Amino acid sequence: QVQLVESGGGLVQAGGSLRLSCAASGPSFSSYAVGWFRQAPGKEREFVAAIRSGEGTFHRTYYADFVQGRFTISRDNAKKTVYLQMNSLKPEDTAVYYCASRYDTGPLHDAQEYDSWGQGTQVTVSS
């Protein structure tokens, strides 16, 4: 099973950028789809972005509507890392961000379908 560790969170002003990293350990990382989710205080965990499995440089990606072109998910299989580049951050993006992995079958937006989760990294956007 893949183990995941997030990093890159922090405090940023509105309009700023952060890049989150999700480092994986374990075999066959390229065989897993990876998703980013977030959870704000008092709210349910929600889907942010996901990327399909596979070798090579192209991987299909998916985003929540609220991302609106501000975030980009990517993966580097050689480094066993998935990134979430977040630009034009808003105060409403404040949350704990989690990465998760799963076998690459079906839609990727459902958190319950993911098998492995990281511990989360806090993102705080000030106004």
Foldseek 3Di string as FASTA:
>chain_A
DKAWAKDWADEEAAQAKIKMKIAIDDPDLLQKKKFKWWDDPPGDIFGAKIWHGDDDFDTDMDGDPVLVPQWDWGDDVVRRMIMIIGGRDDQVVWTWMKMFIAGGDDDDGDPVRTDYIHPTDTHGYHD
